Amino acid sequence: MSGGLWPYVALIAAGFLPSEVWRWFAIVLARGLDERSEIVRFAAVAVGFAAFLALRRSVLAGVLAGEAVLVGVSLVWR
């Protein structure tokens, strides 16, 4: 690719698509959860934040721990 469009293609490929995949993944996983259940969301935030702090401020660890709580709860309460 040459010309003026290359930076826009790179921006979409590196910025938009990776985060869009996680958004769709979250939609699929959250189908079984009750959206009014504050305790599940609070538990996911608390566990995610604790993992973030415990693993030397690793954002990936925090996100994965929070997702694990949400997935675990949705699998148990179906």
PDB file of N, CA and C in Angstrom:
ATOM      1  N   MET A   1       0.842  -1.180   0.000  1.00  0.00           N
ATOM      2  CA  MET A   1       0.000   0.000   0.000  1.00  0.00           C
ATOM      3  C   MET A   1       0.884   1.239   0.000  1.00  0.00           C
ATOM      4  N   SER A   2       0.591   2.081  -0.867  1.00  0.00           N
ATOM      5  CA  SER A   2       1.323   3.329  -0.898  1.00  0.00           C
ATOM      6  C   SER A   2       0.321   4.468  -0.920  1.00  0.00           C
ATOM      7  N   GLY A   3       0.806   5.616  -0.661  1.00  0.00           N
ATOM      8  CA  GLY A   3      -0.078   6.770  -0.670  1.00  0.00           C
ATOM      9  C   GLY A   3      -0.506   7.176   0.719  1.00  0.00           C
ATOM     10  N   GLY A   4      -1.595   7.919   0.759  1.00  0.00           N
ATOM     11  CA  GLY A   4      -2.044   8.497   2.012  1.00  0.00           C
ATOM     12  C   GLY A   4      -2.965   7.634   2.841  1.00  0.00           C
ATOM     13  N   LEU A   5      -3.369   6.462   2.341  1.00  0.00           N
ATOM     14  CA  LEU A   5      -4.300   5.625   3.097  1.00  0.00           C
ATOM     15  C   LEU A   5      -3.633   4.664   4.064  1.00  0.00           C
ATOM     16  N   TRP A   6      -2.356   4.430   3.930  1.00  0.00           N
ATOM     17  CA  TRP A   6      -1.650   3.463   4.766  1.00  0.00           C
ATOM     18  C   TRP A   6      -1.783   3.750   6.264  1.00  0.00           C
ATOM     19  N   PRO A   7      -1.638   4.994   6.725  1.00  0.00           N
ATOM     20  CA  PRO A   7      -1.783   5.250   8.168  1.00  0.00           C
ATOM     21  C   PRO A   7      -3.185   4.918   8.690  1.00  0.00           C
ATOM     22  N   TYR A   8      -4.210   5.127   7.868  1.00  0.00           N
ATOM     23  CA  TYR A   8      -5.571   4.833   8.303  1.00  0.00           C
ATOM     24  C   TYR A   8      -5.813   3.326   8.390  1.00  0.00           C
ATOM     25  N   VAL A   9      -5.276   2.593   7.442  1.00  0.00           N
ATOM     26  CA  VAL A   9      -5.399   1.138   7.480  1.00  0.00           C
ATOM     27  C   VAL A   9      -4.665   0.579   8.699  1.00  0.00           C
ATOM     28  N   ALA A  10      -3.488   1.108   8.974  1.00  0.00           N
ATOM     29  CA  ALA A  10      -2.726   0.663  10.143  1.00  0.00           C
ATOM     30  C   ALA A  10      -3.469   1.003  11.433  1.00  0.00           C
ATOM     31  N   LEU A  11      -4.091   2.159  11.483  1.00  0.00           N
ATOM     32  CA  LEU A  11      -4.852   2.565  12.667  1.00  0.00           C
ATOM     33  C   LEU A  11      -6.033   1.624  12.904  1.00  0.00           C
ATOM     34  N   ILE A  12      -6.733   1.272  11.843  1.00  0.00           N
ATOM     35  CA  ILE A  12      -7.870   0.358  11.979  1.00  0.00           C
ATOM     36  C   ILE A  12      -7.386  -1.031  12.388  1.00  0.00           C
ATOM     37  N   ALA A  13      -6.325  -1.506  11.758  1.00  0.00           N
ATOM     38  CA  ALA A  13      -5.832  -2.858  12.042  1.00  0.00           C
ATOM     39  C   ALA A  13      -5.248  -2.970  13.449  1.00  0.00           C
ATOM     40  N   ALA A  14      -4.564  -1.944  13.914  1.00  0.00           N
ATOM     41  CA  ALA A  14      -3.891  -2.032  15.212  1.00  0.00           C
ATOM     42  C   ALA A  14      -4.709  -1.449  16.357  1.00  0.00           C
ATOM     43  N   GLY A  15      -5.639  -0.570  16.062  1.00  0.00           N
ATOM     44  CA  GLY A  15      -6.378   0.088  17.134  1.00  0.00           C
ATOM     45  C   GLY A  15      -7.813  -0.364  17.288  1.00  0.00           C
ATOM     46  N   PHE A  16      -8.529  -0.423  16.192  1.00  0.00           N
ATOM     47  CA  PHE A  16      -9.956  -0.705  16.257  1.00  0.00           C
ATOM     48  C   PHE A  16     -10.256  -2.200  16.341  1.00  0.00           C
ATOM     49  N   LEU A  17      -9.693  -2.989  15.461  1.00  0.00           N
ATOM     50  CA  LEU A  17     -10.046  -4.411  15.387  1.00  0.00           C
ATOM     51  C   LEU A  17      -9.736  -5.205  16.650  1.00  0.00           C
ATOM     52  N   PRO A  18      -8.578  -5.026  17.284  1.00  0.00           N
ATOM     53  CA  PRO A  18      -8.344  -5.797  18.512  1.00  0.00           C
ATOM     54  C   PRO A  18      -9.347  -5.507  19.627  1.00  0.00           C
ATOM     55  N   SER A  19      -9.732  -4.264  19.789  1.00  0.00           N
ATOM     56  CA  SER A  19     -10.696  -3.964  20.846  1.00  0.00           C
ATOM     57  C   SER A  19     -12.099  -4.390  20.445  1.00  0.00           C
ATOM     58  N   GLU A  20     -12.413  -4.379  19.181  1.00  0.00           N
ATOM     59  CA  GLU A  20     -13.732  -4.802  18.722  1.00  0.00           C
ATOM     60  C   GLU A  20     -13.947  -6.296  18.962  1.00  0.00           C
ATOM     61  N   VAL A  21     -12.910  -7.092  18.798  1.00  0.00           N
ATOM     62  CA  VAL A  21     -13.013  -8.529  19.060  1.00  0.00           C
ATOM     63  C   VAL A  21     -13.400  -8.773  20.512  1.00  0.00           C
ATOM     64  N   TRP A  22     -12.784  -8.043  21.443  1.00  0.00           N
ATOM     65  CA  TRP A  22     -13.103  -8.221  22.861  1.00  0.00           C
ATOM     66  C   TRP A  22     -14.512  -7.755  23.179  1.00  0.00           C
ATOM     67  N   ARG A  23     -14.995  -6.737  22.497  1.00  0.00           N
ATOM     68  CA  ARG A  23     -16.376  -6.276  22.725  1.00  0.00           C
ATOM     69  C   ARG A  23     -17.378  -7.344  22.317  1.00  0.00           C
ATOM     70  N   TRP A  24     -17.174  -7.957  21.167  1.00  0.00           N
ATOM     71  CA  TRP A  24     -18.082  -9.014  20.718  1.00  0.00           C
ATOM     72  C   TRP A  24     -17.985 -10.236  21.617  1.00  0.00           C
ATOM     73  N   PHE A  25     -16.797 -10.565  22.070  1.00  0.00           N
ATOM     74  CA  PHE A  25     -16.595 -11.681  22.988  1.00  0.00           C
ATOM     75  C   PHE A  25     -17.365 -11.441  24.287  1.00  0.00           C
ATOM     76  N   ALA A  26     -17.324 -10.222  24.790  1.00  0.00           N
ATOM     77  CA  ALA A  26     -18.048  -9.889  26.019  1.00  0.00           C
ATOM     78  C   ALA A  26     -19.555  -9.976  25.822  1.00  0.00           C
ATOM     79  N   ILE A  27     -20.031  -9.578  24.656  1.00  0.00           N
ATOM     80  CA  ILE A  27     -21.463  -9.663  24.379  1.00  0.00           C
ATOM     81  C   ILE A  27     -21.918 -11.114  24.389  1.00  0.00           C
ATOM     82  N   VAL A  28     -21.146 -11.967  23.770  1.00  0.00           N
ATOM     83  CA  VAL A  28     -21.499 -13.390  23.716  1.00  0.00           C
ATOM     84  C   VAL A  28     -21.482 -14.002  25.113  1.00  0.00           C
ATOM     85  N   LEU A  29     -20.485 -13.682  25.913  1.00  0.00           N
ATOM     86  CA  LEU A  29     -20.387 -14.267  27.251  1.00  0.00           C
ATOM     87  C   LEU A  29     -21.415 -13.710  28.225  1.00  0.00           C
ATOM     88  N   ALA A  30     -21.832 -12.479  28.038  1.00  0.00           N
ATOM     89  CA  ALA A  30     -22.721 -11.837  29.009  1.00  0.00           C
ATOM     90  C   ALA A  30     -24.200 -12.115  28.742  1.00  0.00           C
ATOM     91  N   ARG A  31     -24.517 -12.904  27.754  1.00  0.00           N
ATOM     92  CA  ARG A  31     -25.922 -13.177  27.451  1.00  0.00           C
ATOM     93  C   ARG A  31     -26.668 -13.793  28.621  1.00  0.00           C
ATOM     94  N   GLY A  32     -26.037 -14.674  29.376  1.00  0.00           N
ATOM     95  CA  GLY A  32     -26.722 -15.365  30.458  1.00  0.00           C
ATOM     96  C   GLY A  32     -26.746 -14.603  31.767  1.00  0.00           C
ATOM     97  N   LEU A  33     -26.042 -13.506  31.849  1.00  0.00           N
ATOM     98  CA  LEU A  33     -25.988 -12.759  33.108  1.00  0.00           C
ATOM     99  C   LEU A  33     -27.176 -11.821  33.250  1.00  0.00           C
ATOM    100  N   ASP A  34     -27.635 -11.663  34.455  1.00  0.00           N
ATOM    101  CA  ASP A  34     -28.685 -10.697  34.727  1.00  0.00           C
ATOM    102  C   ASP A  34     -28.056  -9.318  34.821  1.00  0.00           C
ATOM    103  N   GLU A  35     -28.494  -8.417  33.952  1.00  0.00           N
ATOM    104  CA  GLU A  35     -27.874  -7.095  33.926  1.00  0.00           C
ATOM    105  C   GLU A  35     -28.158  -6.263  35.168  1.00  0.00           C
ATOM    106  N   ARG A  36     -29.104  -6.689  35.976  1.00  0.00           N
ATOM    107  CA  ARG A  36     -29.402  -5.962  37.211  1.00  0.00           C
ATOM    108  C   ARG A  36     -28.640  -6.513  38.407  1.00  0.00           C
ATOM    109  N   SER A  37     -27.840  -7.532  38.209  1.00  0.00           N
ATOM    110  CA  SER A  37     -27.105  -8.176  39.292  1.00  0.00           C
ATOM    111  C   SER A  37     -25.845  -7.366  39.620  1.00  0.00           C
ATOM    112  N   GLU A  38     -25.961  -6.518  40.610  1.00  0.00           N
ATOM    113  CA  GLU A  38     -24.833  -5.662  40.979  1.00  0.00           C
ATOM    114  C   GLU A  38     -23.717  -6.441  41.668  1.00  0.00           C
ATOM    115  N   ILE A  39     -24.074  -7.494  42.382  1.00  0.00           N
ATOM    116  CA  ILE A  39     -23.058  -8.242  43.136  1.00  0.00           C
ATOM    117  C   ILE A  39     -22.046  -8.896  42.197  1.00  0.00           C
ATOM    118  N   VAL A  40     -22.524  -9.433  41.049  1.00  0.00           N
ATOM    119  CA  VAL A  40     -21.597 -10.084  40.105  1.00  0.00           C
ATOM    120  C   VAL A  40     -20.654  -9.063  39.515  1.00  0.00           C
ATOM    121  N   ARG A  41     -21.178  -7.925  39.114  1.00  0.00           N
ATOM    122  CA  ARG A  41     -20.321  -6.898  38.512  1.00  0.00           C
ATOM    123  C   ARG A  41     -19.334  -6.354  39.539  1.00  0.00           C
ATOM    124  N   PHE A  42     -19.782  -6.166  40.775  1.00  0.00           N
ATOM    125  CA  PHE A  42     -18.878  -5.671  41.808  1.00  0.00           C
ATOM    126  C   PHE A  42     -17.794  -6.699  42.115  1.00  0.00           C
ATOM    127  N   ALA A  43     -18.183  -7.970  42.157  1.00  0.00           N
ATOM    128  CA  ALA A  43     -17.197  -9.022  42.418  1.00  0.00           C
ATOM    129  C   ALA A  43     -16.158  -9.077  41.306  1.00  0.00           C
ATOM    130  N   ALA A  44     -16.580  -8.923  40.068  1.00  0.00           N
ATOM    131  CA  ALA A  44     -15.640  -8.943  38.942  1.00  0.00           C
ATOM    132  C   ALA A  44     -14.683  -7.767  39.013  1.00  0.00           C
ATOM    133  N   VAL A  45     -15.186  -6.601  39.364  1.00  0.00           N
ATOM    134  CA  VAL A  45     -14.325  -5.421  39.492  1.00  0.00           C
ATOM    135  C   VAL A  45     -13.341  -5.597  40.645  1.00  0.00           C
ATOM    136  N   ALA A  46     -13.825  -6.097  41.771  1.00  0.00           N
ATOM    137  CA  ALA A  46     -12.956  -6.271  42.937  1.00  0.00           C
ATOM    138  C   ALA A  46     -11.858  -7.296  42.671  1.00  0.00           C
ATOM    139  N   VAL A  47     -12.219  -8.416  42.084  1.00  0.00           N
ATOM    140  CA  VAL A  47     -11.217  -9.449  41.792  1.00  0.00           C
ATOM    141  C   VAL A  47     -10.243  -8.953  40.733  1.00  0.00           C
ATOM    142  N   GLY A  48     -10.752  -8.289  39.715  1.00  0.00           N
ATOM    143  CA  GLY A  48      -9.880  -7.743  38.678  1.00  0.00           C
ATOM    144  C   GLY A  48      -8.906  -6.715  39.224  1.00  0.00           C
ATOM    145  N   PHE A  49      -9.376  -5.839  40.102  1.00  0.00           N
ATOM    146  CA  PHE A  49      -8.498  -4.824  40.689  1.00  0.00           C
ATOM    147  C   PHE A  49      -7.467  -5.462  41.612  1.00  0.00           C
ATOM    148  N   ALA A  50      -7.882  -6.472  42.368  1.00  0.00           N
ATOM    149  CA  ALA A  50      -6.938  -7.163  43.243  1.00  0.00           C
ATOM    150  C   ALA A  50      -5.852  -7.870  42.428  1.00  0.00           C
ATOM    151  N   ALA A  51      -6.234  -8.495  41.330  1.00  0.00           N
ATOM    152  CA  ALA A  51      -5.241  -9.149  40.474  1.00  0.00           C
ATOM    153  C   ALA A  51      -4.319  -8.116  39.839  1.00  0.00           C
ATOM    154  N   PHE A  52      -4.867  -6.978  39.455  1.00  0.00           N
ATOM    155  CA  PHE A  52      -4.068  -5.892  38.893  1.00  0.00           C
ATOM    156  C   PHE A  52      -2.983  -5.453  39.874  1.00  0.00           C
ATOM    157  N   LEU A  53      -3.358  -5.267  41.126  1.00  0.00           N
ATOM    158  CA  LEU A  53      -2.393  -4.828  42.130  1.00  0.00           C
ATOM    159  C   LEU A  53      -1.426  -5.941  42.529  1.00  0.00           C
ATOM    160  N   ALA A  54      -1.946  -7.165  42.623  1.00  0.00           N
ATOM    161  CA  ALA A  54      -1.112  -8.274  43.082  1.00  0.00           C
ATOM    162  C   ALA A  54      -0.039  -8.656  42.058  1.00  0.00           C
ATOM    163  N   LEU A  55      -0.323  -8.489  40.813  1.00  0.00           N
ATOM    164  CA  LEU A  55       0.614  -8.894  39.770  1.00  0.00           C
ATOM    165  C   LEU A  55       1.320  -7.696  39.147  1.00  0.00           C
ATOM    166  N   ARG A  56       1.826  -6.859  40.001  1.00  0.00           N
ATOM    167  CA  ARG A  56       2.644  -5.704  39.619  1.00  0.00           C
ATOM    168  C   ARG A  56       1.974  -4.799  38.601  1.00  0.00           C
ATOM    169  N   ARG A  57       0.726  -4.451  38.863  1.00  0.00           N
ATOM    170  CA  ARG A  57      -0.046  -3.528  38.035  1.00  0.00           C
ATOM    171  C   ARG A  57      -0.158  -3.999  36.588  1.00  0.00           C
ATOM    172  N   SER A  58      -0.475  -5.253  36.442  1.00  0.00           N
ATOM    173  CA  SER A  58      -0.658  -5.853  35.121  1.00  0.00           C
ATOM    174  C   SER A  58      -2.116  -5.694  34.695  1.00  0.00           C
ATOM    175  N   VAL A  59      -2.333  -4.882  33.680  1.00  0.00           N
ATOM    176  CA  VAL A  59      -3.686  -4.665  33.177  1.00  0.00           C
ATOM    177  C   VAL A  59      -4.259  -5.968  32.625  1.00  0.00           C
ATOM    178  N   LEU A  60      -3.430  -6.729  31.932  1.00  0.00           N
ATOM    179  CA  LEU A  60      -3.889  -7.996  31.375  1.00  0.00           C
ATOM    180  C   LEU A  60      -4.374  -8.936  32.476  1.00  0.00           C
ATOM    181  N   ALA A  61      -3.644  -9.027  33.572  1.00  0.00           N
ATOM    182  CA  ALA A  61      -4.055  -9.891  34.680  1.00  0.00           C
ATOM    183  C   ALA A  61      -5.374  -9.417  35.276  1.00  0.00           C
ATOM    184  N   GLY A  62      -5.546  -8.118  35.416  1.00  0.00           N
ATOM    185  CA  GLY A  62      -6.792  -7.580  35.954  1.00  0.00           C
ATOM    186  C   GLY A  62      -7.981  -7.875  35.067  1.00  0.00           C
ATOM    187  N   VAL A  63      -7.812  -7.688  33.777  1.00  0.00           N
ATOM    188  CA  VAL A  63      -8.900  -7.950  32.837  1.00  0.00           C
ATOM    189  C   VAL A  63      -9.237  -9.435  32.810  1.00  0.00           C
ATOM    190  N   LEU A  64      -8.223 -10.277  32.748  1.00  0.00           N
ATOM    191  CA  LEU A  64      -8.467 -11.719  32.706  1.00  0.00           C
ATOM    192  C   LEU A  64      -9.128 -12.223  33.985  1.00  0.00           C
ATOM    193  N   ALA A  65      -8.728 -11.694  35.129  1.00  0.00           N
ATOM    194  CA  ALA A  65      -9.335 -12.113  36.394  1.00  0.00           C
ATOM    195  C   ALA A  65     -10.796 -11.672  36.474  1.00  0.00           C
ATOM    196  N   GLY A  66     -11.075 -10.454  36.066  1.00  0.00           N
ATOM    197  CA  GLY A  66     -12.454  -9.972  36.051  1.00  0.00           C
ATOM    198  C   GLY A  66     -13.322 -10.772  35.103  1.00  0.00           C
ATOM    199  N   GLU A  67     -12.806 -11.059  33.917  1.00  0.00           N
ATOM    200  CA  GLU A  67     -13.543 -11.875  32.957  1.00  0.00           C
ATOM    201  C   GLU A  67     -13.768 -13.280  33.484  1.00  0.00           C
ATOM    202  N   ALA A  68     -12.777 -13.817  34.184  1.00  0.00           N
ATOM    203  CA  ALA A  68     -12.915 -15.160  34.740  1.00  0.00           C
ATOM    204  C   ALA A  68     -14.061 -15.211  35.749  1.00  0.00           C
ATOM    205  N   VAL A  69     -14.207 -14.175  36.536  1.00  0.00           N
ATOM    206  CA  VAL A  69     -15.313 -14.127  37.496  1.00  0.00           C
ATOM    207  C   VAL A  69     -16.642 -14.083  36.760  1.00  0.00           C
ATOM    208  N   LEU A  70     -16.744 -13.230  35.754  1.00  0.00           N
ATOM    209  CA  LEU A  70     -17.995 -13.123  35.006  1.00  0.00           C
ATOM    210  C   LEU A  70     -18.338 -14.424  34.284  1.00  0.00           C
ATOM    211  N   VAL A  71     -17.359 -15.035  33.668  1.00  0.00           N
ATOM    212  CA  VAL A  71     -17.598 -16.299  32.960  1.00  0.00           C
ATOM    213  C   VAL A  71     -17.951 -17.404  33.953  1.00  0.00           C
ATOM    214  N   GLY A  72     -17.223 -17.455  35.054  1.00  0.00           N
ATOM    215  CA  GLY A  72     -17.506 -18.480  36.056  1.00  0.00           C
ATOM    216  C   GLY A  72     -18.905 -18.359  36.627  1.00  0.00           C
ATOM    217  N   VAL A  73     -19.311 -17.165  36.935  1.00  0.00           N
ATOM    218  CA  VAL A  73     -20.655 -16.957  37.479  1.00  0.00           C
ATOM    219  C   VAL A  73     -21.714 -17.296  36.437  1.00  0.00           C
ATOM    220  N   SER A  74     -21.472 -16.914  35.180  1.00  0.00           N
ATOM    221  CA  SER A  74     -22.477 -17.217  34.150  1.00  0.00           C
ATOM    222  C   SER A  74     -22.577 -18.719  33.900  1.00  0.00           C
ATOM    223  N   LEU A  75     -21.488 -19.453  34.046  1.00  0.00           N
ATOM    224  CA  LEU A  75     -21.541 -20.901  33.852  1.00  0.00           C
ATOM    225  C   LEU A  75     -22.209 -21.610  35.017  1.00  0.00           C
ATOM    226  N   VAL A  76     -22.027 -21.089  36.224  1.00  0.00           N
ATOM    227  CA  VAL A  76     -22.602 -21.721  37.422  1.00  0.00           C
ATOM    228  C   VAL A  76     -24.100 -21.436  37.520  1.00  0.00           C
ATOM    229  N   TRP A  77     -24.537 -20.235  37.181  1.00  0.00           N
ATOM    230  CA  TRP A  77     -25.923 -19.833  37.380  1.00  0.00           C
ATOM    231  C   TRP A  77     -26.802 -19.976  36.148  1.00  0.00           C
ATOM    232  N   ARG A  78     -26.445 -20.808  35.219  1.00  0.00           N
ATOM    233  CA  ARG A  78     -27.311 -21.003  34.032  1.00  0.00           C
ATOM    234  C   ARG A  78     -28.372 -21.985  34.306  1.00  0.00           C
TER     235      ARG A  78
END
